[in-house]
Amino acid sequence: MNFSIETSTGIYFSQIALSAFFAILFLQSGLDKVINFRENLSWLVGHFSKTFFSGFVPLLLVALTLSEMLAGLSSGYGLVELVLHNNPNVSFWGMALSALSLLFLFLGQRIAKDYSGAGGLVAYLIAAVAGLILLG
């Protein structure tokens, strides 16, 4: 028996795993923001109360929700394209939108001086950048 695996197989399964990961991450996060909009808004108003974002929180929440939903939907559809057609194009754009959403979140955490929250996003951003490399 030959149990060796080609590099391309590892890359393919990594593409699938990262696409699934970001589909799950951003669909759940985006849907939570839609379903619990008032609670999220209330928390974020307090979180950004001492920043120059304070007057824009509702607009920023809507923009972030749209960004996350687009990232999640395109990652999910990209996953289907990868599995059914071995086509990484949609997943690449889902990964790019995921990285952009993470940068939005990172910016917000830094502006709010929530440095531990910002630090928690670094691993996700590294995964997104790895995904862009693997899918590109």
N, C-alpha and C. Protein backbone atom coordinates (compact mmCIF):
# COMPACT_ATOMS: atom_id res chain seq x y z
N MET A 1 0.82 -1.18 0.00
CA MET A 1 0.00 0.00 0.00
C MET A 1 0.87 1.25 0.00
N ASN A 2 0.41 2.23 -0.73
CA ASN A 2 1.12 3.50 -0.80
C ASN A 2 0.27 4.56 -0.10
N PHE A 3 0.80 5.07 1.00
CA PHE A 3 0.07 6.07 1.78
C PHE A 3 0.58 7.49 1.55
N SER A 4 1.40 7.67 0.53
CA SER A 4 1.94 9.01 0.27
C SER A 4 0.85 9.90 -0.32
N ILE A 5 0.94 11.15 0.04
CA ILE A 5 -0.03 12.14 -0.42
C ILE A 5 0.73 13.21 -1.18
N GLU A 6 0.22 13.59 -2.32
CA GLU A 6 0.87 14.62 -3.11
C GLU A 6 0.62 15.99 -2.50
N THR A 7 1.54 16.90 -2.74
CA THR A 7 1.42 18.26 -2.23
C THR A 7 0.12 18.91 -2.68
N SER A 8 -0.27 18.67 -3.93
CA SER A 8 -1.50 19.29 -4.44
C SER A 8 -2.72 18.83 -3.66
N THR A 9 -2.72 17.60 -3.16
CA THR A 9 -3.84 17.11 -2.35
C THR A 9 -3.91 17.87 -1.04
N GLY A 10 -2.77 18.11 -0.42
CA GLY A 10 -2.73 18.87 0.83
C GLY A 10 -3.20 20.30 0.62
N ILE A 11 -2.80 20.90 -0.49
CA ILE A 11 -3.24 22.27 -0.79
C ILE A 11 -4.75 22.29 -1.01
N TYR A 12 -5.26 21.31 -1.76
CA TYR A 12 -6.69 21.25 -2.04
C TYR A 12 -7.51 21.13 -0.76
N PHE A 13 -7.10 20.23 0.13
CA PHE A 13 -7.84 20.08 1.38
C PHE A 13 -7.68 21.29 2.30
N SER A 14 -6.54 21.96 2.23
CA SER A 14 -6.35 23.21 2.98
C SER A 14 -7.28 24.30 2.45
N GLN A 15 -7.43 24.37 1.15
CA GLN A 15 -8.36 25.33 0.54
C GLN A 15 -9.79 25.08 1.01
N ILE A 16 -10.17 23.82 1.02
CA ILE A 16 -11.51 23.44 1.46
C ILE A 16 -11.70 23.80 2.94
N ALA A 17 -10.73 23.44 3.77
CA ALA A 17 -10.84 23.70 5.21
C ALA A 17 -10.94 25.19 5.51
N LEU A 18 -10.11 25.99 4.86
CA LEU A 18 -10.15 27.43 5.12
C LEU A 18 -11.43 28.07 4.60
N SER A 19 -11.90 27.61 3.45
CA SER A 19 -13.17 28.13 2.93
C SER A 19 -14.31 27.79 3.87
N ALA A 20 -14.34 26.57 4.36
CA ALA A 20 -15.38 26.16 5.31
C ALA A 20 -15.27 26.96 6.61
N PHE A 21 -14.05 27.13 7.09
CA PHE A 21 -13.81 27.87 8.33
C PHE A 21 -14.37 29.29 8.24
N PHE A 22 -14.04 29.99 7.16
CA PHE A 22 -14.49 31.38 7.04
C PHE A 22 -15.97 31.48 6.68
N ALA A 23 -16.51 30.49 6.01
CA ALA A 23 -17.96 30.46 5.78
C ALA A 23 -18.69 30.35 7.12
N ILE A 24 -18.24 29.43 7.95
CA ILE A 24 -18.85 29.24 9.27
C ILE A 24 -18.68 30.49 10.13
N LEU A 25 -17.46 31.00 10.18
CA LEU A 25 -17.15 32.16 11.02
C LEU A 25 -18.03 33.36 10.68
N PHE A 26 -18.05 33.72 9.39
CA PHE A 26 -18.72 34.96 9.04
C PHE A 26 -20.22 34.82 8.83
N LEU A 27 -20.69 33.64 8.44
CA LEU A 27 -22.14 33.46 8.38
C LEU A 27 -22.74 33.51 9.78
N GLN A 28 -22.08 32.84 10.74
CA GLN A 28 -22.57 32.87 12.12
C GLN A 28 -22.50 34.28 12.68
N SER A 29 -21.37 34.95 12.48
CA SER A 29 -21.21 36.29 13.03
C SER A 29 -22.16 37.29 12.39
N GLY A 30 -22.29 37.22 11.07
CA GLY A 30 -23.20 38.12 10.37
C GLY A 30 -24.65 37.88 10.75
N LEU A 31 -25.06 36.60 10.81
CA LEU A 31 -26.43 36.28 11.20
C LEU A 31 -26.72 36.71 12.64
N ASP A 32 -25.74 36.56 13.52
CA ASP A 32 -25.91 37.01 14.89
C ASP A 32 -26.15 38.52 14.93
N LYS A 33 -25.43 39.25 14.10
CA LYS A 33 -25.62 40.70 14.07
C LYS A 33 -26.99 41.07 13.52
N VAL A 34 -27.52 40.29 12.59
CA VAL A 34 -28.86 40.54 12.06
C VAL A 34 -29.92 40.19 13.09
N ILE A 35 -29.81 39.01 13.67
CA ILE A 35 -30.82 38.51 14.61
C ILE A 35 -30.82 39.32 15.91
N ASN A 36 -29.65 39.68 16.38
CA ASN A 36 -29.52 40.41 17.65
C ASN A 36 -29.02 41.83 17.42
N PHE A 37 -29.58 42.49 16.42
CA PHE A 37 -29.08 43.81 16.02
C PHE A 37 -29.10 44.80 17.18
N ARG A 38 -30.20 44.89 17.88
CA ARG A 38 -30.33 45.88 18.96
C ARG A 38 -29.32 45.62 20.07
N GLU A 39 -29.13 44.36 20.45
CA GLU A 39 -28.17 44.04 21.51
C GLU A 39 -26.75 44.36 21.07
N ASN A 40 -26.42 44.01 19.83
CA ASN A 40 -25.09 44.31 19.31
C ASN A 40 -24.87 45.82 19.23
N LEU A 41 -25.87 46.54 18.77
CA LEU A 41 -25.77 47.99 18.66
C LEU A 41 -25.56 48.62 20.03
N SER A 42 -26.34 48.17 21.00
CA SER A 42 -26.22 48.71 22.35
C SER A 42 -24.81 48.50 22.90
N TRP A 43 -24.29 47.29 22.73
CA TRP A 43 -22.94 47.00 23.22
C TRP A 43 -21.90 47.84 22.50
N LEU A 44 -22.03 47.95 21.18
CA LEU A 44 -21.04 48.69 20.40
C LEU A 44 -21.09 50.19 20.67
N VAL A 45 -22.28 50.74 20.94
CA VAL A 45 -22.39 52.16 21.29
C VAL A 45 -21.54 52.43 22.54
N GLY A 46 -21.64 51.55 23.53
CA GLY A 46 -20.82 51.71 24.73
C GLY A 46 -19.34 51.49 24.45
N HIS A 47 -19.04 50.51 23.61
CA HIS A 47 -17.65 50.16 23.29
C HIS A 47 -16.93 51.33 22.61
N PHE A 48 -17.66 52.06 21.77
CA PHE A 48 -17.05 53.15 21.00
C PHE A 48 -17.43 54.54 21.53
N SER A 49 -18.00 54.61 22.74
CA SER A 49 -18.51 55.88 23.25
C SER A 49 -17.44 56.96 23.39
N LYS A 50 -16.22 56.59 23.60
CA LYS A 50 -15.15 57.58 23.80
C LYS A 50 -14.24 57.68 22.58
N THR A 51 -14.76 57.34 21.40
CA THR A 51 -13.95 57.39 20.19
C THR A 51 -14.63 58.28 19.16
N PHE A 52 -13.91 58.59 18.10
CA PHE A 52 -14.52 59.38 17.04
C PHE A 52 -15.51 58.56 16.21
N PHE A 53 -15.61 57.26 16.45
CA PHE A 53 -16.63 56.42 15.82
C PHE A 53 -17.99 56.54 16.49
N SER A 54 -18.06 57.20 17.64
CA SER A 54 -19.28 57.16 18.46
C SER A 54 -20.55 57.59 17.71
N GLY A 55 -20.47 58.54 16.84
CA GLY A 55 -21.65 59.00 16.12
C GLY A 55 -21.99 58.16 14.91
N PHE A 56 -21.13 57.21 14.59
CA PHE A 56 -21.31 56.42 13.37
C PHE A 56 -21.59 54.94 13.64
N VAL A 57 -21.76 54.57 14.89
CA VAL A 57 -21.87 53.15 15.25
C VAL A 57 -22.98 52.42 14.49
N PRO A 58 -24.20 52.96 14.37
CA PRO A 58 -25.23 52.22 13.63
C PRO A 58 -24.83 51.97 12.17
N LEU A 59 -24.30 52.98 11.52
CA LEU A 59 -23.87 52.83 10.13
C LEU A 59 -22.72 51.83 10.02
N LEU A 60 -21.77 51.90 10.93
CA LEU A 60 -20.63 50.98 10.91
C LEU A 60 -21.08 49.54 11.18
N LEU A 61 -22.06 49.37 12.06
CA LEU A 61 -22.57 48.03 12.33
C LEU A 61 -23.23 47.44 11.09
N VAL A 62 -24.00 48.24 10.38
CA VAL A 62 -24.63 47.76 9.14
C VAL A 62 -23.56 47.40 8.12
N ALA A 63 -22.55 48.26 7.96
CA ALA A 63 -21.47 48.00 7.01
C ALA A 63 -20.71 46.74 7.37
N LEU A 64 -20.41 46.55 8.65
CA LEU A 64 -19.69 45.36 9.09
C LEU A 64 -20.54 44.11 8.88
N THR A 65 -21.83 44.21 9.18
CA THR A 65 -22.73 43.07 8.98
C THR A 65 -22.76 42.66 7.51
N LEU A 66 -22.88 43.64 6.62
CA LEU A 66 -22.87 43.34 5.18
C LEU A 66 -21.54 42.74 4.76
N SER A 67 -20.45 43.27 5.26
CA SER A 67 -19.12 42.76 4.93
C SER A 67 -18.98 41.30 5.38
N GLU A 68 -19.41 41.02 6.60
CA GLU A 68 -19.31 39.66 7.12
C GLU A 68 -20.22 38.70 6.36
N MET A 69 -21.43 39.13 6.06
CA MET A 69 -22.34 38.26 5.31
C MET A 69 -21.79 37.97 3.90
N LEU A 70 -21.25 38.98 3.24
CA LEU A 70 -20.65 38.76 1.92
C LEU A 70 -19.46 37.81 2.01
N ALA A 71 -18.63 37.99 3.03
CA ALA A 71 -17.48 37.11 3.22
C ALA A 71 -17.95 35.67 3.47
N GLY A 72 -18.95 35.51 4.32
CA GLY A 72 -19.45 34.17 4.64
C GLY A 72 -20.13 33.50 3.46
N LEU A 73 -20.98 34.26 2.76
CA LEU A 73 -21.68 33.69 1.61
C LEU A 73 -20.72 33.33 0.48
N SER A 74 -19.76 34.21 0.20
CA SER A 74 -18.82 33.90 -0.88
C SER A 74 -17.88 32.78 -0.48
N SER A 75 -17.51 32.69 0.77
CA SER A 75 -16.69 31.56 1.22
C SER A 75 -17.48 30.25 1.13
N GLY A 76 -18.76 30.30 1.50
CA GLY A 76 -19.61 29.11 1.41
C GLY A 76 -19.82 28.67 -0.02
N TYR A 77 -20.14 29.62 -0.89
CA TYR A 77 -20.32 29.28 -2.31
C TYR A 77 -18.98 28.83 -2.91
N GLY A 78 -17.90 29.48 -2.49
CA GLY A 78 -16.58 29.06 -2.95
C GLY A 78 -16.25 27.64 -2.53
N LEU A 79 -16.68 27.26 -1.34
CA LEU A 79 -16.48 25.88 -0.87
C LEU A 79 -17.19 24.91 -1.80
N VAL A 80 -18.41 25.23 -2.18
CA VAL A 80 -19.17 24.38 -3.12
C VAL A 80 -18.44 24.29 -4.45
N GLU A 81 -17.95 25.41 -4.95
CA GLU A 81 -17.21 25.44 -6.22
C GLU A 81 -15.93 24.60 -6.14
N LEU A 82 -15.26 24.68 -5.00
CA LEU A 82 -14.04 23.88 -4.81
C LEU A 82 -14.35 22.39 -4.83
N VAL A 83 -15.36 22.00 -4.08
CA VAL A 83 -15.68 20.57 -3.94
C VAL A 83 -16.24 20.00 -5.25
N LEU A 84 -17.15 20.73 -5.86
CA LEU A 84 -17.82 20.19 -7.06
C LEU A 84 -17.03 20.37 -8.34
N HIS A 85 -16.27 21.48 -8.44
CA HIS A 85 -15.63 21.80 -9.72
C HIS A 85 -14.14 22.06 -9.61
N ASN A 86 -13.58 21.89 -8.40
CA ASN A 86 -12.16 22.16 -8.16
C ASN A 86 -11.78 23.56 -8.65
N ASN A 87 -12.70 24.52 -8.46
CA ASN A 87 -12.50 25.89 -8.91
C ASN A 87 -12.31 26.80 -7.69
N PRO A 88 -11.10 27.36 -7.51
CA PRO A 88 -10.82 28.18 -6.33
C PRO A 88 -11.17 29.66 -6.46
N ASN A 89 -11.68 30.10 -7.60
CA ASN A 89 -11.87 31.54 -7.84
C ASN A 89 -12.81 32.20 -6.83
N VAL A 90 -13.97 31.63 -6.60
CA VAL A 90 -14.93 32.25 -5.68
C VAL A 90 -14.39 32.20 -4.25
N SER A 91 -13.73 31.10 -3.91
CA SER A 91 -13.14 31.00 -2.57
C SER A 91 -12.07 32.06 -2.34
N PHE A 92 -11.31 32.36 -3.38
CA PHE A 92 -10.29 33.40 -3.26
C PHE A 92 -10.95 34.73 -2.89
N TRP A 93 -12.02 35.09 -3.58
CA TRP A 93 -12.69 36.35 -3.28
C TRP A 93 -13.38 36.31 -1.93
N GLY A 94 -13.88 35.15 -1.53
CA GLY A 94 -14.42 35.00 -0.19
C GLY A 94 -13.34 35.21 0.86
N MET A 95 -12.14 34.70 0.57
CA MET A 95 -11.02 34.87 1.50
C MET A 95 -10.59 36.34 1.55
N ALA A 96 -10.61 37.02 0.40
CA ALA A 96 -10.26 38.43 0.37
C ALA A 96 -11.26 39.25 1.18
N LEU A 97 -12.55 38.94 1.03
CA LEU A 97 -13.58 39.64 1.81
C LEU A 97 -13.46 39.31 3.30
N SER A 98 -13.06 38.08 3.60
CA SER A 98 -12.84 37.70 5.00
C SER A 98 -11.70 38.51 5.60
N ALA A 99 -10.60 38.64 4.86
CA ALA A 99 -9.47 39.44 5.34
C ALA A 99 -9.89 40.89 5.53
N LEU A 100 -10.66 41.42 4.60
CA LEU A 100 -11.13 42.80 4.72
C LEU A 100 -12.02 42.97 5.96
N SER A 101 -12.93 42.05 6.18
CA SER A 101 -13.79 42.11 7.37
C SER A 101 -12.96 42.06 8.64
N LEU A 102 -11.96 41.22 8.65
CA LEU A 102 -11.08 41.13 9.83
C LEU A 102 -10.31 42.42 10.04
N LEU A 103 -9.90 43.05 8.97
CA LEU A 103 -9.21 44.34 9.10
C LEU A 103 -10.15 45.41 9.64
N PHE A 104 -11.42 45.39 9.23
CA PHE A 104 -12.41 46.31 9.79
C PHE A 104 -12.54 46.08 11.30
N LEU A 105 -12.67 44.81 11.68
CA LEU A 105 -12.79 44.48 13.10
C LEU A 105 -11.55 44.91 13.87
N PHE A 106 -10.38 44.65 13.31
CA PHE A 106 -9.11 45.00 13.94
C PHE A 106 -9.02 46.52 14.15
N LEU A 107 -9.39 47.27 13.12
CA LEU A 107 -9.38 48.73 13.22
C LEU A 107 -10.29 49.19 14.36
N GLY A 108 -11.49 48.64 14.40
CA GLY A 108 -12.43 49.02 15.45
C GLY A 108 -11.89 48.72 16.84
N GLN A 109 -11.28 47.56 17.01
CA GLN A 109 -10.73 47.20 18.32
C GLN A 109 -9.59 48.12 18.71
N ARG A 110 -8.75 48.45 17.76
CA ARG A 110 -7.63 49.36 18.05
C ARG A 110 -8.14 50.76 18.40
N ILE A 111 -9.13 51.25 17.63
CA ILE A 111 -9.68 52.58 17.90
C ILE A 111 -10.32 52.63 19.30
N ALA A 112 -11.00 51.52 19.67
CA ALA A 112 -11.64 51.45 20.98
C ALA A 112 -10.64 51.14 22.10
N LYS A 113 -9.38 50.98 21.74
CA LYS A 113 -8.30 50.65 22.68
C LYS A 113 -8.54 49.32 23.38
N ASP A 114 -9.20 48.41 22.66
CA ASP A 114 -9.40 47.04 23.15
C ASP A 114 -8.27 46.21 22.54
N TYR A 115 -7.09 46.36 23.11
CA TYR A 115 -5.90 45.74 22.53
C TYR A 115 -5.91 44.22 22.62
N SER A 116 -6.50 43.68 23.66
CA SER A 116 -6.59 42.22 23.74
C SER A 116 -7.57 41.69 22.69
N GLY A 117 -8.67 42.41 22.47
CA GLY A 117 -9.61 42.02 21.42
C GLY A 117 -8.97 42.09 20.05
N ALA A 118 -8.19 43.13 19.81
CA ALA A 118 -7.47 43.26 18.54
C ALA A 118 -6.47 42.12 18.38
N GLY A 119 -5.78 41.80 19.46
CA GLY A 119 -4.80 40.71 19.41
C GLY A 119 -5.44 39.37 19.10
N GLY A 120 -6.66 39.17 19.56
CA GLY A 120 -7.36 37.92 19.30
C GLY A 120 -7.70 37.73 17.83
N LEU A 121 -7.71 38.81 17.07
CA LEU A 121 -8.04 38.73 15.64
C LEU A 121 -6.84 38.36 14.77
N VAL A 122 -5.64 38.46 15.33
CA VAL A 122 -4.43 38.25 14.54
C VAL A 122 -4.39 36.84 13.94
N ALA A 123 -4.73 35.84 14.73
CA ALA A 123 -4.69 34.46 14.22
C ALA A 123 -5.67 34.27 13.06
N TYR A 124 -6.83 34.89 13.15
CA TYR A 124 -7.80 34.81 12.06
C TYR A 124 -7.26 35.47 10.79
N LEU A 125 -6.61 36.62 10.96
CA LEU A 125 -6.05 37.31 9.80
C LEU A 125 -4.92 36.51 9.18
N ILE A 126 -4.09 35.89 10.00
CA ILE A 126 -3.01 35.03 9.47
C ILE A 126 -3.63 33.89 8.66
N ALA A 127 -4.69 33.28 9.17
CA ALA A 127 -5.36 32.20 8.43
C ALA A 127 -5.92 32.71 7.11
N ALA A 128 -6.50 33.91 7.10
CA ALA A 128 -7.04 34.47 5.87
C ALA A 128 -5.94 34.74 4.85
N VAL A 129 -4.81 35.28 5.31
CA VAL A 129 -3.70 35.53 4.40
C VAL A 129 -3.14 34.22 3.85
N ALA A 130 -3.05 33.20 4.71
CA ALA A 130 -2.62 31.88 4.24
C ALA A 130 -3.59 31.36 3.18
N GLY A 131 -4.88 31.57 3.42
CA GLY A 131 -5.88 31.15 2.45
C GLY A 131 -5.72 31.87 1.11
N LEU A 132 -5.43 33.16 1.17
CA LEU A 132 -5.21 33.91 -0.07
C LEU A 132 -4.01 33.35 -0.84
N ILE A 133 -2.98 32.99 -0.11
CA ILE A 133 -1.80 32.41 -0.76
C ILE A 133 -2.13 31.05 -1.37
N LEU A 134 -2.85 30.22 -0.63
CA LEU A 134 -3.19 28.88 -1.11
C LEU A 134 -4.19 28.90 -2.26
N LEU A 135 -5.05 29.89 -2.28
CA LEU A 135 -6.09 29.96 -3.31
C LEU A 135 -5.66 30.77 -4.52
N GLY A 136 -4.64 31.60 -4.37
CA GLY A 136 -4.20 32.48 -5.45
C GLY A 136 -3.36 31.83 -6.51
